[in-house]
C-alpha atoms as a PDB file:
ATOM      1  CA  UNK A   1      30.840  -9.227  -4.609  1.00  0.00           C
ATOM      2  CA  UNK A   2      33.681 -11.285  -6.028  1.00  0.00           C
ATOM      3  CA  UNK A   3      32.746 -14.410  -7.915  1.00  0.00           C
ATOM      4  CA  UNK A   4      35.282 -16.548  -6.049  1.00  0.00           C
ATOM      5  CA  UNK A   5      33.718 -15.459  -2.746  1.00  0.00           C
ATOM      6  CA  UNK A   6      30.307 -16.572  -4.008  1.00  0.00           C
ATOM      7  CA  UNK A   7      31.730 -19.926  -5.088  1.00  0.00           C
ATOM      8  CA  UNK A   8      33.281 -20.378  -1.664  1.00  0.00           C
ATOM      9  CA  UNK A   9      30.037 -19.423   0.064  1.00  0.00           C
ATOM     10  CA  UNK A  10      28.073 -21.871  -2.149  1.00  0.00           C
ATOM     11  CA  UNK A  11      30.409 -24.686  -1.127  1.00  0.00           C
ATOM     12  CA  UNK A  12      30.131 -23.849   2.567  1.00  0.00           C
ATOM     13  CA  UNK A  13      26.331 -23.558   2.288  1.00  0.00           C
ATOM     14  CA  UNK A  14      26.128 -26.922   0.528  1.00  0.00           C
ATOM     15  CA  UNK A  15      28.473 -28.822   2.840  1.00  0.00           C
ATOM     16  CA  UNK A  16      27.721 -26.874   6.037  1.00  0.00           C
ATOM     17  CA  UNK A  17      31.381 -27.272   6.851  1.00  0.00           C
ATOM     18  CA  UNK A  18      34.284 -24.860   6.458  1.00  0.00           C
ATOM     19  CA  UNK A  19      36.671 -27.793   6.652  1.00  0.00           C
ATOM     20  CA  UNK A  20      34.906 -29.716   3.877  1.00  0.00           C
ATOM     21  CA  UNK A  21      34.607 -26.580   1.739  1.00  0.00           C
ATOM     22  CA  UNK A  22      38.337 -25.907   2.102  1.00  0.00           C
ATOM     23  CA  UNK A  23      39.082 -29.485   1.089  1.00  0.00           C
ATOM     24  CA  UNK A  24      36.855 -29.302  -2.019  1.00  0.00           C
ATOM     25  CA  UNK A  25      38.200 -25.916  -3.083  1.00  0.00           C
ATOM     26  CA  UNK A  26      41.822 -26.683  -2.174  1.00  0.00           C
ATOM     27  CA  UNK A  27      41.981 -23.625   0.073  1.00  0.00           C
ATOM     28  CA  UNK A  28      43.282 -23.241   3.574  1.00  0.00           C
ATOM     29  CA  UNK A  29      40.477 -23.097   6.152  1.00  0.00           C
ATOM     30  CA  UNK A  30      41.589 -19.589   7.079  1.00  0.00           C
ATOM     31  CA  UNK A  31      41.143 -18.502   3.442  1.00  0.00           C
ATOM     32  CA  UNK A  32      37.576 -19.860   3.373  1.00  0.00           C
ATOM     33  CA  UNK A  33      36.763 -18.051   6.631  1.00  0.00           C
ATOM     34  CA  UNK A  34      38.288 -14.805   5.337  1.00  0.00           C
ATOM     35  CA  UNK A  35      36.206 -14.944   2.142  1.00  0.00           C
ATOM     36  CA  UNK A  36      32.959 -15.532   4.045  1.00  0.00           C
ATOM     37  CA  UNK A  37      33.776 -12.672   6.415  1.00  0.00           C
ATOM     38  CA  UNK A  38      34.504 -10.423   3.427  1.00  0.00           C
ATOM     39  CA  UNK A  39      31.012 -11.164   2.075  1.00  0.00           C
ATOM     40  CA  UNK A  40      29.484 -10.496   5.467  1.00  0.00           C
ATOM     41  CA  UNK A  41      31.226  -7.124   5.734  1.00  0.00           C
ATOM     42  CA  UNK A  42      30.147  -6.168   2.223  1.00  0.00           C
ATOM     43  CA  UNK A  43      26.504  -7.148   2.823  1.00  0.00           C
ATOM     44  CA  UNK A  44      26.379  -5.975   6.428  1.00  0.00           C
ATOM     45  CA  UNK A  45      24.805  -9.209   7.717  1.00  0.00           C
ATOM     46  CA  UNK A  46      25.884 -12.476   9.299  1.00  0.00           C
ATOM     47  CA  UNK A  47      25.671 -15.324   6.799  1.00  0.00           C
ATOM     48  CA  UNK A  48      26.707 -18.161   9.106  1.00  0.00           C
ATOM     49  CA  UNK A  49      25.587 -19.034  12.610  1.00  0.00           C
ATOM     50  CA  UNK A  50      28.815 -19.847  14.406  1.00  0.00           C
ATOM     51  CA  UNK A  51      27.303 -20.228  17.893  1.00  0.00           C
ATOM     52  CA  UNK A  52      27.248 -24.035  17.669  1.00  0.00           C
ATOM     53  CA  UNK A  53      29.804 -26.634  16.678  1.00  0.00           C
ATOM     54  CA  UNK A  54      28.181 -27.290  13.281  1.00  0.00           C
ATOM     55  CA  UNK A  55      27.945 -24.473  10.761  1.00  0.00           C
ATOM     56  CA  UNK A  56      24.431 -23.285  10.005  1.00  0.00           C
ATOM     57  CA  UNK A  57      23.080 -20.670   7.633  1.00  0.00           C
ATOM     58  CA  UNK A  58      21.411 -17.620   9.103  1.00  0.00           C
ATOM     59  CA  UNK A  59      18.121 -16.539   7.457  1.00  0.00           C
ATOM     60  CA  UNK A  60      20.133 -13.993   5.441  1.00  0.00           C
ATOM     61  CA  UNK A  61      22.609 -16.737   4.510  1.00  0.00           C
ATOM     62  CA  UNK A  62      19.774 -18.947   3.257  1.00  0.00           C
ATOM     63  CA  UNK A  63      18.563 -16.116   1.016  1.00  0.00           C
ATOM     64  CA  UNK A  64      22.048 -15.537  -0.375  1.00  0.00           C
ATOM     65  CA  UNK A  65      22.431 -19.280  -0.954  1.00  0.00           C
ATOM     66  CA  UNK A  66      19.391 -19.308  -3.246  1.00  0.00           C
ATOM     67  CA  UNK A  67      20.679 -16.345  -5.250  1.00  0.00           C
ATOM     68  CA  UNK A  68      24.192 -17.753  -5.391  1.00  0.00           C
ATOM     69  CA  UNK A  69      22.911 -21.007  -6.888  1.00  0.00           C
ATOM     70  CA  UNK A  70      21.078 -19.046  -9.571  1.00  0.00           C
ATOM     71  CA  UNK A  71      24.065 -16.786 -10.304  1.00  0.00           C
ATOM     72  CA  UNK A  72      26.495 -19.703 -10.693  1.00  0.00           C
ATOM     73  CA  UNK A  73      24.023 -21.648 -12.817  1.00  0.00           C
ATOM     74  CA  UNK A  74      23.507 -18.639 -15.099  1.00  0.00           C
ATOM     75  CA  UNK A  75      27.267 -18.206 -15.388  1.00  0.00           C
ATOM     76  CA  UNK A  76      27.640 -21.845 -16.436  1.00  0.00           C
ATOM     77  CA  UNK A  77      24.889 -21.455 -19.039  1.00  0.00           C
ATOM     78  CA  UNK A  78      26.544 -18.275 -20.343  1.00  0.00           C
ATOM     79  CA  UNK A  79      29.882 -19.997 -20.771  1.00  0.00           C
ATOM     80  CA  UNK A  80      28.180 -22.913 -22.522  1.00  0.00           C
ATOM     81  CA  UNK A  81      26.253 -20.630 -24.883  1.00  0.00           C
ATOM     82  CA  UNK A  82      29.389 -18.681 -25.811  1.00  0.00           C
ATOM     83  CA  UNK A  83      31.561 -21.758 -26.341  1.00  0.00           C
ATOM     84  CA  UNK A  84      28.823 -23.513 -28.362  1.00  0.00           C
ATOM     85  CA  UNK A  85      26.917 -20.851 -30.301  1.00  0.00           C
ATOM     86  CA  UNK A  86      24.086 -23.194 -31.165  1.00  0.00           C
ATOM     87  CA  UNK A  87      24.709 -23.646 -34.901  1.00  0.00           C
ATOM     88  CA  UNK A  88      24.640 -27.428 -34.544  1.00  0.00           C
ATOM     89  CA  UNK A  89      22.328 -29.749 -32.669  1.00  0.00           C
ATOM     90  CA  UNK A  90      23.184 -33.281 -31.569  1.00  0.00           C
ATOM     91  CA  UNK A  91      20.021 -35.371 -31.255  1.00  0.00           C
ATOM     92  CA  UNK A  92      19.802 -38.935 -29.994  1.00  0.00           C
ATOM     93  CA  UNK A  93      16.847 -41.240 -30.490  1.00  0.00           C
ATOM     94  CA  UNK A  94      15.616 -44.786 -30.218  1.00  0.00           C
ATOM     95  CA  UNK A  95      15.513 -46.623 -33.524  1.00  0.00           C
ATOM     96  CA  UNK A  96      11.706 -46.753 -33.554  1.00  0.00           C
ATOM     97  CA  UNK A  97      11.269 -43.051 -32.804  1.00  0.00           C
ATOM     98  CA  UNK A  98      13.958 -42.117 -35.297  1.00  0.00           C
ATOM     99  CA  UNK A  99      12.410 -44.206 -38.045  1.00  0.00           C
ATOM    100  CA  UNK A 100       8.751 -43.304 -37.606  1.00  0.00           C
ATOM    101  CA  UNK A 101       8.546 -39.890 -35.923  1.00  0.00           C
ATOM    102  CA  UNK A 102      11.741 -37.939 -36.470  1.00  0.00           C
ATOM    103  CA  UNK A 103      11.926 -37.556 -40.288  1.00  0.00           C
ATOM    104  CA  UNK A 104       8.926 -35.202 -40.509  1.00  0.00           C
ATOM    105  CA  UNK A 105      10.251 -33.210 -37.543  1.00  0.00           C
ATOM    106  CA  UNK A 106      13.686 -32.820 -39.101  1.00  0.00           C
ATOM    107  CA  UNK A 107      12.234 -31.792 -42.449  1.00  0.00           C
ATOM    108  CA  UNK A 108      10.058 -29.116 -40.880  1.00  0.00           C
ATOM    109  CA  UNK A 109      12.898 -27.872 -38.665  1.00  0.00           C
ATOM    110  CA  UNK A 110      15.161 -27.619 -41.718  1.00  0.00           C
ATOM    111  CA  UNK A 111      12.542 -25.520 -43.540  1.00  0.00           C
ATOM    112  CA  UNK A 112      12.492 -23.049 -40.619  1.00  0.00           C
ATOM    113  CA  UNK A 113      16.228 -23.017 -39.900  1.00  0.00           C
ATOM    114  CA  UNK A 114      18.051 -23.846 -43.158  1.00  0.00           C
ATOM    115  CA  UNK A 115      21.432 -22.770 -41.738  1.00  0.00           C
ATOM    116  CA  UNK A 116      21.290 -25.121 -38.763  1.00  0.00           C
ATOM    117  CA  UNK A 117      23.070 -28.445 -38.800  1.00  0.00           C
ATOM    118  CA  UNK A 118      21.570 -31.451 -37.070  1.00  0.00           C
ATOM    119  CA  UNK A 119      23.477 -34.589 -36.136  1.00  0.00           C
ATOM    120  CA  UNK A 120      21.268 -37.588 -35.338  1.00  0.00           C
ATOM    121  CA  UNK A 121      22.379 -40.797 -33.643  1.00  0.00           C
ATOM    122  CA  UNK A 122      20.566 -43.906 -32.437  1.00  0.00           C
ATOM    123  CA  UNK A 123      21.224 -45.931 -29.310  1.00  0.00           C
ATOM    124  CA  UNK A 124      19.565 -47.681 -26.395  1.00  0.00           C
ATOM    125  CA  UNK A 125      17.582 -45.631 -23.907  1.00  0.00           C
ATOM    126  CA  UNK A 126      20.141 -45.916 -21.110  1.00  0.00           C
ATOM    127  CA  UNK A 127      23.006 -44.950 -23.419  1.00  0.00           C
ATOM    128  CA  UNK A 128      21.051 -41.933 -24.671  1.00  0.00           C
ATOM    129  CA  UNK A 129      20.468 -40.631 -21.147  1.00  0.00           C
ATOM    130  CA  UNK A 130      24.170 -41.019 -20.328  1.00  0.00           C
ATOM    131  CA  UNK A 131      25.115 -39.124 -23.487  1.00  0.00           C
ATOM    132  CA  UNK A 132      22.772 -36.268 -22.540  1.00  0.00           C
ATOM    133  CA  UNK A 133      24.294 -36.121 -19.050  1.00  0.00           C
ATOM    134  CA  UNK A 134      27.811 -35.940 -20.513  1.00  0.00           C
ATOM    135  CA  UNK A 135      26.791 -33.166 -22.871  1.00  0.00           C
ATOM    136  CA  UNK A 136      27.451 -35.289 -25.972  1.00  0.00           C
ATOM    137  CA  UNK A 137      23.791 -34.906 -26.965  1.00  0.00           C
ATOM    138  CA  UNK A 138      21.675 -31.766 -26.759  1.00  0.00           C
ATOM    139  CA  UNK A 139      18.455 -33.772 -26.564  1.00  0.00           C
ATOM    140  CA  UNK A 140      17.205 -37.330 -26.808  1.00  0.00           C
ATOM    141  CA  UNK A 141      13.845 -38.815 -27.723  1.00  0.00           C
ATOM    142  CA  UNK A 142      12.716 -41.991 -25.980  1.00  0.00           C
ATOM    143  CA  UNK A 143       9.682 -43.844 -24.729  1.00  0.00           C
ATOM    144  CA  UNK A 144       8.900 -43.296 -21.045  1.00  0.00           C
ATOM    145  CA  UNK A 145      10.320 -40.901 -18.478  1.00  0.00           C
ATOM    146  CA  UNK A 146      14.072 -40.659 -17.816  1.00  0.00           C
ATOM    147  CA  UNK A 147      15.553 -41.650 -14.454  1.00  0.00           C
ATOM    148  CA  UNK A 148      15.263 -39.115 -11.657  1.00  0.00           C
ATOM    149  CA  UNK A 149      18.193 -36.736 -12.040  1.00  0.00           C
ATOM    150  CA  UNK A 150      18.251 -33.071 -11.018  1.00  0.00           C
ATOM    151  CA  UNK A 151      20.483 -32.242 -13.993  1.00  0.00           C
ATOM    152  CA  UNK A 152      17.954 -33.563 -16.515  1.00  0.00           C
ATOM    153  CA  UNK A 153      14.787 -31.924 -17.733  1.00  0.00           C
ATOM    154  CA  UNK A 154      12.146 -33.796 -19.657  1.00  0.00           C
ATOM    155  CA  UNK A 155       8.789 -33.216 -21.277  1.00  0.00           C
ATOM    156  CA  UNK A 156       6.148 -35.609 -22.566  1.00  0.00           C
ATOM    157  CA  UNK A 157       5.363 -34.870 -26.206  1.00  0.00           C
ATOM    158  CA  UNK A 158       2.784 -37.518 -27.084  1.00  0.00           C
ATOM    159  CA  UNK A 159       1.289 -40.826 -26.081  1.00  0.00           C
ATOM    160  CA  UNK A 160       1.479 -44.046 -28.044  1.00  0.00           C
ATOM    161  CA  UNK A 161      -0.904 -46.989 -27.549  1.00  0.00           C
ATOM    162  CA  UNK A 162       0.638 -50.374 -26.869  1.00  0.00           C
ATOM    163  CA  UNK A 163      -0.692 -53.289 -28.884  1.00  0.00           C
ATOM    164  CA  UNK A 164       0.012 -56.971 -29.256  1.00  0.00           C
ATOM    165  CA  UNK A 165       1.196 -58.318 -32.593  1.00  0.00           C
ATOM    166  CA  UNK A 166       0.438 -61.926 -33.522  1.00  0.00           C
ATOM    167  CA  UNK A 167       1.149 -64.099 -36.581  1.00  0.00           C
ATOM    168  CA  UNK A 168      -1.367 -63.429 -39.372  1.00  0.00           C
ATOM    169  CA  UNK A 169      -2.956 -66.876 -38.962  1.00  0.00           C
ATOM    170  CA  UNK A 170      -3.301 -66.569 -35.177  1.00  0.00           C
ATOM    171  CA  UNK A 171      -6.718 -67.246 -33.651  1.00  0.00           C
ATOM    172  CA  UNK A 172      -6.933 -63.635 -32.411  1.00  0.00           C
ATOM    173  CA  UNK A 173      -5.886 -62.075 -35.717  1.00  0.00           C
ATOM    174  CA  UNK A 174      -9.397 -61.683 -37.112  1.00  0.00           C
ATOM    175  CA  UNK A 175     -10.886 -60.475 -33.825  1.00  0.00           C
ATOM    176  CA  UNK A 176      -8.314 -57.710 -33.501  1.00  0.00           C
ATOM    177  CA  UNK A 177      -9.088 -57.352 -29.816  1.00  0.00           C
ATOM    178  CA  UNK A 178      -8.519 -59.418 -26.683  1.00  0.00           C
ATOM    179  CA  UNK A 179      -8.690 -59.056 -22.928  1.00  0.00           C
ATOM    180  CA  UNK A 180      -5.457 -59.093 -20.983  1.00  0.00           C
ATOM    181  CA  UNK A 181      -6.357 -62.380 -19.263  1.00  0.00           C
ATOM    182  CA  UNK A 182      -6.722 -64.047 -22.684  1.00  0.00           C
ATOM    183  CA  UNK A 183      -3.236 -62.962 -23.662  1.00  0.00           C
ATOM    184  CA  UNK A 184      -1.619 -64.360 -20.534  1.00  0.00           C
ATOM    185  CA  UNK A 185      -1.931 -67.861 -21.995  1.00  0.00           C
ATOM    186  CA  UNK A 186      -0.082 -66.889 -25.187  1.00  0.00           C
ATOM    187  CA  UNK A 187       3.688 -67.339 -25.720  1.00  0.00           C
ATOM    188  CA  UNK A 188       5.420 -63.958 -25.894  1.00  0.00           C
ATOM    189  CA  UNK A 189       8.756 -62.768 -27.164  1.00  0.00           C
ATOM    190  CA  UNK A 190      10.400 -59.661 -25.708  1.00  0.00           C
ATOM    191  CA  UNK A 191      13.525 -57.584 -26.010  1.00  0.00           C
ATOM    192  CA  UNK A 192      16.410 -57.929 -23.577  1.00  0.00           C
ATOM    193  CA  UNK A 193      16.309 -56.582 -20.031  1.00  0.00           C
ATOM    194  CA  UNK A 194      17.336 -52.939 -19.812  1.00  0.00           C
ATOM    195  CA  UNK A 195      15.514 -52.095 -23.034  1.00  0.00           C
ATOM    196  CA  UNK A 196      12.542 -49.735 -22.822  1.00  0.00           C
ATOM    197  CA  UNK A 197      10.341 -52.178 -24.731  1.00  0.00           C
ATOM    198  CA  UNK A 198      11.170 -54.892 -22.201  1.00  0.00           C
ATOM    199  CA  UNK A 199      10.169 -52.524 -19.429  1.00  0.00           C
ATOM    200  CA  UNK A 200       6.775 -52.055 -21.125  1.00  0.00           C
ATOM    201  CA  UNK A 201       6.360 -55.832 -21.273  1.00  0.00           C
ATOM    202  CA  UNK A 202       7.359 -56.340 -17.638  1.00  0.00           C
ATOM    203  CA  UNK A 203       5.057 -53.551 -16.467  1.00  0.00           C
ATOM    204  CA  UNK A 204       2.149 -55.197 -18.282  1.00  0.00           C
ATOM    205  CA  UNK A 205       2.754 -58.828 -17.354  1.00  0.00           C
ATOM    206  CA  UNK A 206       5.028 -58.443 -14.351  1.00  0.00           C
ATOM    207  CA  UNK A 207       2.356 -59.533 -11.880  1.00  0.00           C
ATOM    208  CA  UNK A 208       2.079 -62.893 -13.685  1.00  0.00           C
ATOM    209  CA  UNK A 209       5.037 -65.125 -12.736  1.00  0.00           C
ATOM    210  CA  UNK A 210       4.421 -67.466 -15.685  1.00  0.00           C
ATOM    211  CA  UNK A 211       4.812 -64.670 -18.234  1.00  0.00           C
ATOM    212  CA  UNK A 212       8.555 -64.859 -18.678  1.00  0.00           C
ATOM    213  CA  UNK A 213       9.087 -64.448 -22.428  1.00  0.00           C
ATOM    214  CA  UNK A 214       9.889 -67.620 -24.352  1.00  0.00           C
ATOM    215  CA  UNK A 215      12.722 -65.768 -26.103  1.00  0.00           C
ATOM    216  CA  UNK A 216      14.640 -62.519 -25.757  1.00  0.00           C
ATOM    217  CA  UNK A 217      15.373 -60.790 -29.049  1.00  0.00           C
ATOM    218  CA  UNK A 218      17.647 -57.813 -29.640  1.00  0.00           C
ATOM    219  CA  UNK A 219      16.078 -55.334 -32.061  1.00  0.00           C
ATOM    220  CA  UNK A 220      12.484 -54.535 -32.945  1.00  0.00           C
ATOM    221  CA  UNK A 221      12.913 -55.615 -36.579  1.00  0.00           C
ATOM    222  CA  UNK A 222      14.057 -59.095 -35.567  1.00  0.00           C
ATOM    223  CA  UNK A 223      11.351 -59.310 -32.924  1.00  0.00           C
ATOM    224  CA  UNK A 224       8.655 -58.518 -35.483  1.00  0.00           C
ATOM    225  CA  UNK A 225      10.130 -61.009 -37.953  1.00  0.00           C
ATOM    226  CA  UNK A 226      10.027 -63.742 -35.308  1.00  0.00           C
ATOM    227  CA  UNK A 227       6.356 -63.008 -34.652  1.00  0.00           C
ATOM    228  CA  UNK A 228       5.631 -63.087 -38.394  1.00  0.00           C
ATOM    229  CA  UNK A 229       7.337 -66.498 -38.554  1.00  0.00           C
ATOM    230  CA  UNK A 230       4.922 -67.859 -35.949  1.00  0.00           C
ATOM    231  CA  UNK A 231       7.149 -68.019 -32.862  1.00  0.00           C
ATOM    232  CA  UNK A 232       4.740 -66.118 -30.607  1.00  0.00           C
ATOM    233  CA  UNK A 233       3.349 -62.679 -29.783  1.00  0.00           C
ATOM    234  CA  UNK A 234       4.942 -59.363 -28.795  1.00  0.00           C
ATOM    235  CA  UNK A 235       3.828 -56.219 -26.995  1.00  0.00           C
ATOM    236  CA  UNK A 236       5.002 -53.039 -28.735  1.00  0.00           C
ATOM    237  CA  UNK A 237       3.978 -49.436 -29.442  1.00  0.00           C
ATOM    238  CA  UNK A 238       1.539 -49.262 -32.343  1.00  0.00           C
ATOM    239  CA  UNK A 239       3.798 -46.922 -34.291  1.00  0.00           C
ATOM    240  CA  UNK A 240       6.545 -49.537 -34.453  1.00  0.00           C
ATOM    241  CA  UNK A 241       4.364 -52.274 -36.014  1.00  0.00           C
ATOM    242  CA  UNK A 242       2.148 -50.368 -38.461  1.00  0.00           C
ATOM    243  CA  UNK A 243       4.399 -51.108 -41.425  1.00  0.00           C
ATOM    244  CA  UNK A 244       4.432 -54.850 -40.786  1.00  0.00           C
ATOM    245  CA  UNK A 245       0.681 -54.865 -40.202  1.00  0.00           C
ATOM    246  CA  UNK A 246       0.002 -52.928 -43.410  1.00  0.00           C
ATOM    247  CA  UNK A 247       2.066 -55.472 -45.346  1.00  0.00           C
ATOM    248  CA  UNK A 248       0.132 -58.348 -43.776  1.00  0.00           C
ATOM    249  CA  UNK A 249       3.183 -59.815 -42.065  1.00  0.00           C
ATOM    250  CA  UNK A 250       1.585 -59.591 -38.587  1.00  0.00           C
ATOM    251  CA  UNK A 251      -1.832 -58.809 -37.187  1.00  0.00           C
ATOM    252  CA  UNK A 252      -2.485 -56.142 -34.562  1.00  0.00           C
ATOM    253  CA  UNK A 253      -4.538 -57.055 -31.500  1.00  0.00           C
ATOM    254  CA  UNK A 254      -5.724 -54.299 -29.187  1.00  0.00           C
ATOM    255  CA  UNK A 255      -5.882 -55.035 -25.471  1.00  0.00           C
ATOM    256  CA  UNK A 256      -9.548 -54.349 -24.846  1.00  0.00           C
ATOM    257  CA  UNK A 257      -9.922 -54.301 -21.077  1.00  0.00           C
ATOM    258  CA  UNK A 258      -7.096 -51.938 -20.170  1.00  0.00           C
ATOM    259  CA  UNK A 259      -5.596 -48.769 -21.594  1.00  0.00           C
ATOM    260  CA  UNK A 260      -1.980 -49.613 -22.332  1.00  0.00           C
ATOM    261  CA  UNK A 261       0.098 -46.625 -23.362  1.00  0.00           C
ATOM    262  CA  UNK A 262       3.610 -45.285 -23.336  1.00  0.00           C
ATOM    263  CA  UNK A 263       4.882 -41.749 -23.760  1.00  0.00           C
ATOM    264  CA  UNK A 264       7.224 -40.154 -26.267  1.00  0.00           C
ATOM    265  CA  UNK A 265       9.545 -37.999 -24.185  1.00  0.00           C
ATOM    266  CA  UNK A 266      12.246 -35.461 -24.939  1.00  0.00           C
ATOM    267  CA  UNK A 267      15.051 -35.167 -22.404  1.00  0.00           C
ATOM    268  CA  UNK A 268      17.794 -32.562 -22.223  1.00  0.00           C
ATOM    269  CA  UNK A 269      20.405 -31.243 -19.827  1.00  0.00           C
ATOM    270  CA  UNK A 270      19.122 -28.326 -17.802  1.00  0.00           C
ATOM    271  CA  UNK A 271      22.083 -26.116 -18.627  1.00  0.00           C
ATOM    272  CA  UNK A 272      21.506 -26.647 -22.387  1.00  0.00           C
ATOM    273  CA  UNK A 273      18.346 -24.561 -22.168  1.00  0.00           C
ATOM    274  CA  UNK A 274      20.549 -21.566 -23.053  1.00  0.00           C
ATOM    275  CA  UNK A 275      21.072 -22.954 -26.568  1.00  0.00           C
ATOM    276  CA  UNK A 276      18.719 -21.030 -28.917  1.00  0.00           C
ATOM    277  CA  UNK A 277      18.848 -23.792 -31.535  1.00  0.00           C
ATOM    278  CA  UNK A 278      17.691 -26.303 -28.946  1.00  0.00           C
ATOM    279  CA  UNK A 279      14.750 -24.102 -28.018  1.00  0.00           C
ATOM    280  CA  UNK A 280      13.794 -23.852 -31.697  1.00  0.00           C
ATOM    281  CA  UNK A 281      14.005 -27.609 -32.176  1.00  0.00           C
ATOM    282  CA  UNK A 282      11.930 -28.217 -29.064  1.00  0.00           C
ATOM    283  CA  UNK A 283       9.243 -25.882 -30.391  1.00  0.00           C
ATOM    284  CA  UNK A 284       9.115 -27.909 -33.611  1.00  0.00           C
ATOM    285  CA  UNK A 285       8.878 -31.171 -31.647  1.00  0.00           C
ATOM    286  CA  UNK A 286       5.959 -29.820 -29.648  1.00  0.00           C
ATOM    287  CA  UNK A 287       4.172 -28.692 -32.811  1.00  0.00           C
ATOM    288  CA  UNK A 288       4.800 -31.847 -34.846  1.00  0.00           C
ATOM    289  CA  UNK A 289       4.404 -34.502 -32.164  1.00  0.00           C
ATOM    290  CA  UNK A 290       2.244 -32.796 -29.590  1.00  0.00           C
ATOM    291  CA  UNK A 291      -0.636 -32.308 -31.977  1.00  0.00           C
END
């Protein structure tokens, strides 16, 4: 079977139209028909049901369609693996994950693979997903699941509790625990819309119309500093506020009547699974973060 015939068949099977397939492939319709007929002669079966106006796959055509998808996907992965031999990894991360979780992972990975190079960048969650889709990043680490996209694969590595931080002299500081309904009355600061931390806030207080944040702050460091200065409270993953809490700049309040959590997730492009360095780094992530 010729590869170009399989590509043509895949396009016809996907579009269910010889005309559309010819347009996508920049072939004449007669050329598309000839290639499909060549496959049929070689396999000794009918691949298309031509008895009606609209093209349909025969049962044998449906089987070939599944195998063709796998063959073309494997070919793409092979080309990727050969063109990028896997000696360098490009990792993207949120600032909080990069600061608190990634250093130990990178150190351990380096001890196992001293010849590998790792390039680490930080950006917003949406920008990281776009970079993975483009192939600029091999993998990104974020909070929460990525958007539904057949080209992306993701895996939850760990869970992180969400807590409320308050100024150290706040009435709830000594208690260290409060019910969600108690917190509704408190002024809250949040990050800007589109940020993963803002999504956590909206998911927690979204059913309460009066819980629009009193201020939107760009950056977790600035947000924490505003809380420390007495402006209000903030809802954040525990890992991102431990340092401030240990230094006494803010106090941590657990939400006692509900289990608020977020996930640490790694996301990568499906075709990048062929990269052996990526597989090694993923194994280290699972070991270090998955417990």
